[in-house]
Protein backbone atom coordinates (compact mmCIF):
# COMPACT_ATOMS: atom_id res chain seq x y z
CA MET A 1 20.91 -11.14 2.41
CA ALA A 2 20.85 -12.65 5.89
CA TRP A 3 17.71 -12.89 7.50
CA LEU A 4 17.52 -14.24 11.41
CA VAL A 5 15.41 -16.69 12.36
CA VAL A 6 15.26 -18.29 15.88
CA ILE A 7 13.26 -21.38 16.10
CA ALA A 8 11.98 -21.65 19.94
CA LEU A 9 12.69 -25.24 20.63
CA VAL A 10 15.97 -24.88 18.76
CA ALA A 11 19.18 -23.64 20.07
CA SER A 12 20.80 -23.33 16.49
CA SER A 13 19.80 -20.31 14.38
CA ILE A 14 18.51 -19.87 10.58
CA ALA A 15 19.79 -17.16 8.41
CA PHE A 16 16.80 -15.23 6.59
CA SER A 17 16.43 -11.60 7.15
CA GLY A 18 17.65 -8.92 9.27
CA CYS A 19 13.77 -7.86 9.86
CA VAL A 20 12.73 -11.03 11.76
CA GLN A 21 15.05 -10.90 14.27
CA THR A 22 16.34 -13.48 17.00
CA GLU A 23 14.35 -13.40 20.66
CA GLN A 24 17.87 -11.77 22.06
CA ALA A 25 17.94 -9.15 19.67
CA GLU A 26 14.21 -7.96 20.03
CA LYS A 27 14.69 -7.97 23.76
CA GLU A 28 17.02 -5.60 23.60
CA THR A 29 15.07 -3.25 21.03
CA ALA A 30 11.52 -3.58 21.99
CA THR A 31 9.57 -1.49 24.18
CA THR A 32 7.21 -3.91 25.08
CA THR A 33 8.42 -7.53 25.78
CA PRO A 34 6.68 -9.52 22.93
CA PRO A 35 5.16 -13.20 23.80
CA GLU A 36 8.11 -15.72 24.89
CA LYS A 37 7.11 -18.89 22.54
CA VAL A 38 7.76 -16.56 19.56
CA GLU A 39 9.18 -18.15 16.71
CA TYR A 40 9.54 -15.57 13.84
CA LYS A 41 9.45 -11.31 14.98
CA ILE A 42 9.42 -8.92 12.09
CA LYS A 43 8.68 -5.73 11.66
CA MET A 44 6.77 -4.25 8.31
CA THR A 45 7.18 -0.89 6.80
CA THR A 46 4.14 1.09 5.73
CA GLY A 47 3.50 4.76 4.56
CA SER A 48 2.91 8.19 6.79
CA PRO A 49 1.77 7.65 9.73
CA THR A 50 -1.63 8.65 9.32
CA GLY A 51 -2.19 6.74 5.85
CA THR A 52 -3.87 3.77 5.64
CA TYR A 53 -0.81 1.51 4.87
CA TYR A 54 -0.36 2.14 8.29
CA ILE A 55 -3.57 1.75 9.61
CA ALA A 56 -4.24 -1.41 8.01
CA LEU A 57 -0.58 -3.21 8.43
CA THR A 58 -1.19 -2.30 12.36
CA SER A 59 -4.07 -4.28 12.58
CA ILE A 60 -3.22 -6.93 10.59
CA ALA A 61 0.09 -7.23 12.83
CA SER A 62 -1.86 -7.00 16.22
CA VAL A 63 -4.55 -10.03 14.61
CA VAL A 64 -1.93 -11.92 13.65
CA SER A 65 0.46 -12.20 16.26
CA LYS A 66 -2.72 -13.01 18.74
CA TYR A 67 -3.54 -15.87 16.84
CA ASN A 68 -0.01 -17.08 16.27
CA PRO A 69 1.75 -17.10 19.39
CA GLU A 70 4.66 -18.09 17.15
CA ILE A 71 4.52 -14.54 15.34
CA TYR A 72 5.46 -11.31 16.89
CA ALA A 73 4.60 -8.35 13.99
CA THR A 74 4.36 -5.00 14.38
CA ALA A 75 3.93 -2.18 11.97
CA ILE A 76 6.34 0.64 11.30
CA PRO A 77 5.62 4.22 9.54
CA GLY A 78 7.38 3.83 5.87
CA GLY A 79 7.91 5.57 2.65
CA GLY A 80 4.57 4.00 0.92
CA SER A 81 4.32 1.67 -1.58
CA ALA A 82 7.71 2.42 -3.74
CA ALA A 83 9.69 2.09 -1.11
CA ASN A 84 8.16 -0.78 0.55
CA ALA A 85 8.58 -2.39 -2.77
CA ARG A 86 12.11 -1.61 -2.77
CA GLY A 87 12.71 -2.80 1.19
CA VAL A 88 10.69 -6.60 0.41
CA GLY A 89 12.97 -6.87 -3.16
CA SER A 90 16.12 -6.26 -1.52
CA GLY A 91 15.12 -8.62 1.45
CA LYS A 92 15.70 -5.68 4.17
CA VAL A 93 11.50 -6.06 5.09
CA PRO A 94 9.99 -9.12 5.14
CA ILE A 95 6.40 -8.19 4.70
CA SER A 96 4.62 -4.92 3.80
CA LEU A 97 1.93 -3.54 0.94
CA SER A 98 2.27 -1.71 -2.07
CA THR A 99 0.07 -1.21 -5.14
CA SER A 100 -0.15 -4.25 -7.85
CA MET A 101 1.29 -1.77 -10.11
CA VAL A 102 4.13 -0.64 -8.30
CA ALA A 103 4.89 -4.12 -7.39
CA TYR A 104 4.64 -4.82 -10.61
CA PHE A 105 7.19 -2.37 -11.87
CA ALA A 106 9.59 -3.09 -9.26
CA TYR A 107 9.63 -7.05 -10.05
CA THR A 108 9.82 -6.21 -13.50
CA GLY A 109 12.37 -3.19 -14.02
CA THR A 110 10.12 -1.48 -15.78
CA GLY A 111 8.31 1.70 -15.69
CA THR A 112 8.97 3.94 -12.88
CA PHE A 113 11.92 1.00 -11.90
CA GLU A 114 13.20 0.78 -15.08
CA GLY A 115 17.26 -0.52 -14.51
CA GLU A 116 16.17 -1.49 -11.09
CA LYS A 117 14.75 -5.06 -10.63
CA TYR A 118 13.70 -6.61 -7.75
CA PRO A 119 12.89 -10.42 -9.27
CA LYS A 120 12.47 -11.89 -5.64
CA LEU A 121 9.46 -9.84 -4.69
CA ARG A 122 6.11 -12.01 -4.28
CA ALA A 123 2.47 -11.51 -3.41
CA MET A 124 0.63 -12.74 -0.46
CA ALA A 125 -2.80 -11.27 -0.82
CA PRO A 126 -5.27 -8.70 -1.80
CA ALA A 127 -5.80 -5.28 0.35
CA HIS A 128 -7.91 -2.58 -0.09
CA PRO A 129 -8.08 -0.45 -3.51
CA LEU A 130 -6.62 2.96 -3.46
CA ILE A 131 -9.02 6.04 -4.72
CA VAL A 132 -6.40 8.13 -7.08
CA SER A 133 -6.98 11.98 -7.66
CA PHE A 134 -5.91 15.44 -6.33
CA ILE A 135 -7.28 16.99 -3.53
CA VAL A 136 -8.56 20.67 -3.84
CA LYS A 137 -10.20 23.36 -1.58
CA ALA A 138 -13.77 22.87 -2.25
CA ASP A 139 -14.30 26.68 -3.62
CA SER A 140 -11.05 26.13 -6.15
CA ASP A 141 -11.89 27.06 -9.69
CA MET A 142 -10.16 23.86 -10.75
CA LYS A 143 -12.55 20.85 -12.45
CA THR A 144 -10.10 18.30 -13.83
CA ILE A 145 -7.18 17.07 -13.75
CA TYR A 146 -5.92 19.17 -16.54
CA ASP A 147 -6.38 22.25 -14.57
CA LEU A 148 -3.05 21.69 -12.45
CA LYS A 149 -0.89 23.10 -15.34
CA GLY A 150 1.03 25.73 -14.00
CA LYS A 151 -0.41 24.97 -10.26
CA ARG A 152 1.64 24.03 -7.16
CA VAL A 153 1.08 19.97 -6.57
CA ALA A 154 2.46 18.04 -3.79
CA ILE A 155 2.87 14.76 -5.83
CA GLY A 156 4.23 13.01 -2.37
CA GLU A 157 7.45 11.76 -1.31
CA ALA A 158 10.51 11.01 -3.66
CA GLY A 159 10.38 7.34 -4.28
CA SER A 160 6.78 6.79 -2.71
CA GLY A 161 3.57 5.17 -4.27
CA ASP A 162 1.98 8.59 -4.27
CA ALA A 163 4.71 10.15 -6.26
CA VAL A 164 4.74 7.10 -8.56
CA ALA A 165 0.95 7.62 -9.37
CA ALA A 166 1.48 11.36 -9.69
CA GLU A 167 3.82 10.85 -12.51
CA VAL A 168 1.96 7.92 -14.37
CA ILE A 169 -1.13 9.94 -14.55
CA LEU A 170 0.60 13.33 -15.20
CA LYS A 171 2.47 12.15 -17.58
CA GLU A 172 -0.50 10.64 -19.05
CA ALA A 173 -2.21 14.45 -19.07
CA GLY A 174 0.48 15.60 -20.90
CA ILE A 175 1.30 18.16 -17.93
CA TRP A 176 3.67 16.48 -15.72
CA ASP A 177 6.55 19.14 -16.81
CA ASP A 178 4.17 22.30 -16.92
CA ILE A 179 3.48 21.75 -12.56
CA ILE A 180 5.81 22.85 -9.75
CA LYS A 181 6.39 19.90 -8.09
CA VAL A 182 6.17 19.69 -4.46
CA ASN A 183 7.89 16.42 -2.85
CA VAL A 184 5.79 16.38 -0.06
CA GLY A 185 3.65 13.69 1.32
CA ASP A 186 0.08 14.11 3.64
CA PRO A 187 -0.42 14.97 6.20
CA GLU A 188 1.78 18.04 5.15
CA SER A 189 0.42 17.96 2.01
CA TRP A 190 -3.04 18.27 3.24
CA ASN A 191 -1.71 21.19 5.31
CA MET A 192 -0.31 22.85 2.29
CA VAL A 193 -3.36 22.80 0.72
CA LYS A 194 -5.32 24.33 3.28
CA LEU A 195 -2.94 27.14 4.03
CA GLY A 196 -2.53 27.63 0.06
CA THR A 197 1.08 26.70 -0.11
CA VAL A 198 -0.06 24.40 -3.36
CA ASP A 199 -2.68 24.46 -5.06
CA ALA A 200 -3.29 20.30 -5.17
CA ALA A 201 -2.11 17.56 -3.42
CA ILE A 202 -2.10 13.94 -4.94
CA HIS A 203 -4.69 11.29 -3.13
CA HIS A 204 -3.96 7.86 -3.34
CA THR A 205 -5.22 6.48 -0.58
CA SER A 206 -8.74 5.17 0.63
CA LEU A 207 -12.04 6.87 0.07
CA PRO A 208 -12.48 8.45 1.99
CA ASN A 209 -9.68 8.47 4.27
CA PRO A 210 -10.86 9.00 7.74
CA ASN A 211 -7.70 11.02 8.66
CA LEU A 212 -8.48 13.24 5.92
CA TYR A 213 -12.13 13.41 6.27
CA GLU A 214 -11.94 14.67 9.59
CA GLU A 215 -9.28 17.69 8.10
CA SER A 216 -12.38 18.15 5.65
CA MET A 217 -14.51 19.24 8.13
CA ASN A 218 -12.38 22.45 8.93
CA THR A 219 -11.58 23.00 5.26
CA PRO A 220 -14.17 21.92 2.78
CA ILE A 221 -12.18 19.65 -0.15
CA ARG A 222 -13.37 17.83 -3.32
CA LEU A 223 -11.18 15.88 -6.21
CA LEU A 224 -10.39 16.74 -9.34
CA GLU A 225 -12.26 14.68 -11.97
CA ILE A 226 -10.33 12.84 -14.53
CA PRO A 227 -12.33 12.75 -17.63
CA ASP A 228 -13.00 9.48 -19.58
CA GLU A 229 -10.62 10.22 -22.45
CA LEU A 230 -7.92 10.10 -19.90
CA ALA A 231 -8.93 7.47 -17.84
CA ASN A 232 -9.56 5.16 -20.92
CA LYS A 233 -5.99 5.81 -21.55
CA ILE A 234 -4.30 5.09 -18.71
CA THR A 235 -6.45 2.10 -17.58
CA GLU A 236 -5.43 0.38 -21.16
CA LYS A 237 -2.02 1.05 -20.53
CA TYR A 238 -1.63 0.22 -17.38
CA PRO A 239 -4.17 -2.97 -15.94
CA TYR A 240 -3.39 -1.96 -12.34
CA PHE A 241 -5.76 1.41 -12.68
CA SER A 242 -9.26 1.03 -13.13
CA LYS A 243 -12.04 3.68 -13.53
CA TYR A 244 -14.23 4.45 -10.46
CA LEU A 245 -16.32 7.38 -9.21
CA GLY A 246 -15.95 8.99 -6.18
CA LYS A 247 -19.10 9.42 -4.27
CA LYS A 248 -20.65 12.66 -2.94
CA GLY A 249 -20.15 13.39 0.19
CA SER A 250 -16.91 11.19 1.09
CA TYR A 251 -15.38 14.42 1.89
CA ASN A 252 -16.84 17.71 3.52
CA GLY A 253 -17.43 20.03 -0.09
CA MET A 254 -17.67 16.80 -2.20
CA ASP A 255 -21.08 17.84 -3.01
CA SER A 256 -20.94 15.58 -6.23
CA ASP A 257 -19.99 12.49 -7.92
CA VAL A 258 -16.52 12.26 -9.66
CA LYS A 259 -14.66 10.53 -11.69
CA VAL A 260 -11.37 9.15 -10.30
CA LEU A 261 -9.06 6.31 -10.64
CA ALA A 262 -8.41 2.77 -8.10
CA ALA A 263 -5.61 1.17 -7.93
CA PRO A 264 -5.63 -2.17 -5.66
CA VAL A 265 -2.83 -2.52 -2.93
CA ILE A 266 -1.68 -5.93 -2.58
CA LEU A 267 0.16 -7.66 0.85
CA ILE A 268 4.09 -8.27 -0.87
CA THR A 269 7.29 -10.39 0.55
CA ASN A 270 10.37 -11.47 -0.34
CA GLN A 271 10.99 -15.17 -1.88
CA ASP A 272 13.54 -15.91 0.72
CA VAL A 273 10.88 -15.32 3.78
CA PRO A 274 9.84 -18.97 4.98
CA GLU A 275 7.10 -20.36 3.52
CA ASP A 276 5.32 -21.29 6.90
CA LEU A 277 5.72 -18.05 8.22
CA VAL A 278 3.49 -16.51 5.06
CA TYR A 279 1.30 -19.36 5.17
CA LYS A 280 0.23 -18.81 8.68
CA PHE A 281 0.13 -14.91 7.94
CA THR A 282 -1.97 -15.25 4.78
CA LYS A 283 -4.29 -17.75 6.43
CA THR A 284 -4.99 -15.51 9.44
CA TYR A 285 -5.39 -12.27 7.58
CA TRP A 286 -8.00 -13.86 5.37
CA GLU A 287 -10.17 -16.08 8.09
CA HIS A 288 -9.71 -13.16 10.72
CA PHE A 289 -10.58 -10.28 7.74
CA ASP A 290 -13.63 -9.03 10.12
CA GLU A 291 -12.18 -8.66 13.15
CA ILE A 292 -8.52 -7.02 11.65
CA LYS A 293 -11.60 -4.54 9.26
CA LYS A 294 -12.75 -3.57 12.98
CA SER A 295 -9.55 -1.18 12.82
CA ALA A 296 -9.25 -0.52 9.42
CA PRO A 297 -12.81 -0.45 8.09
CA PHE A 298 -11.69 0.68 4.42
CA LEU A 299 -10.87 -3.05 3.97
CA GLU A 300 -14.20 -3.49 3.98
CA SER A 301 -13.58 -2.82 0.00
CA VAL A 302 -11.48 -5.87 -0.95
CA ASN A 303 -12.16 -8.07 -2.87
CA ARG A 304 -13.67 -11.25 -0.81
CA ASP A 305 -15.02 -13.15 -3.95
CA ASN A 306 -12.14 -13.10 -5.99
CA PRO A 307 -8.96 -12.49 -4.01
CA MET A 308 -6.79 -13.17 -7.34
CA ALA A 309 -7.88 -10.27 -9.19
CA GLY A 310 -5.38 -7.16 -9.38
CA ILE A 311 -2.68 -9.30 -8.02
CA SER A 312 0.17 -8.78 -10.95
CA ILE A 313 3.36 -10.62 -9.36
CA PRO A 314 3.60 -14.56 -8.50
CA LEU A 315 2.64 -15.50 -5.39
CA HIS A 316 5.27 -16.67 -2.74
CA PRO A 317 4.95 -20.61 -2.00
CA GLY A 318 3.29 -19.93 1.20
CA ALA A 319 0.60 -17.73 0.50
CA TYR A 320 -0.17 -20.15 -3.18
CA ARG A 321 -0.40 -23.08 -0.03
CA TYR A 322 -3.15 -20.96 1.37
CA TRP A 323 -5.12 -20.22 -1.40
CA VAL A 324 -4.84 -23.48 -3.28
CA GLU A 325 -6.10 -25.06 0.45
CA THR A 326 -9.06 -22.75 0.13
CA GLY A 327 -10.25 -23.87 -3.32
CA VAL A 328 -9.30 -20.32 -5.27
CA LYS A 329 -8.46 -20.65 -8.81
CA VAL A 330 -4.77 -19.23 -9.17
CA PRO A 331 -4.21 -18.02 -12.48
CA GLU A 332 -0.70 -19.89 -14.02
CA ASN A 333 1.01 -16.35 -14.62
CA LEU A 334 0.45 -16.06 -10.04
CA LYS A 335 1.74 -19.45 -9.68
CA PRO A 336 5.41 -19.87 -7.83
């Protein structure tokens, strides 16, 4: 896969990615002109424009570009975790976000990626956990995930991380074949819950999601409980999930704490992306984290004390170099 990079002080070019563009190509397509001394120009796919992936990577891109004049990074809407893992794993996208679970499935060709393997997928750093359950109107009769049986459920766009998480959880609950599946993601799925065209929609985002919280001020909502016996079954089989207690008041209409799941998100890249780019990107992300989270406050939940926690695939050499320099102990299974 050809990846194009232009080194600012060298006349020749080096191939490494179609998503890291030459300066001339970028000038032809960009709506704003990037800095002149740019060595790496990257476009990162995210999720829906209202989702946390888009908000997080937009903030990260801005700060990384600010402190590295040789890097011009932008975030564009995308299909979410599964689509991002495919894009990065195939070399079409240089850097993105995915849940650790989806990244592992894509890297190993297992689970929902059975027969579809992306061995060049690599990890860079941890991001925020996604809180996983299903939203319903606050006045719904449904209380637990088992009550979804026979209901119309928006499970996310086909191929998205939402859809992967919904399938895993509903299959483990034994009701995957007993729901009416609607392949729609947010914000359309939220509106469908509001209108009653679906009974529930997957919640695979931060808690609270700021846009969904705003929606809840007009239509009160709450999360369905994932009972302990199901949560234990899922976390034992899929160690990328953990049990989580959603706090009362997270949304208007959520009048009590509720047992749900959490899934860590990680920054991902391809092993063919230049080590220098990944090193600088990782270093800037981590060392200017407080500035990044001003525009993406949900990143506050990132595990700053143990950055390797929840990472399920090997690190890129550039990221590995940064973490070793900072004194982070990298487990053997994560070393390049």
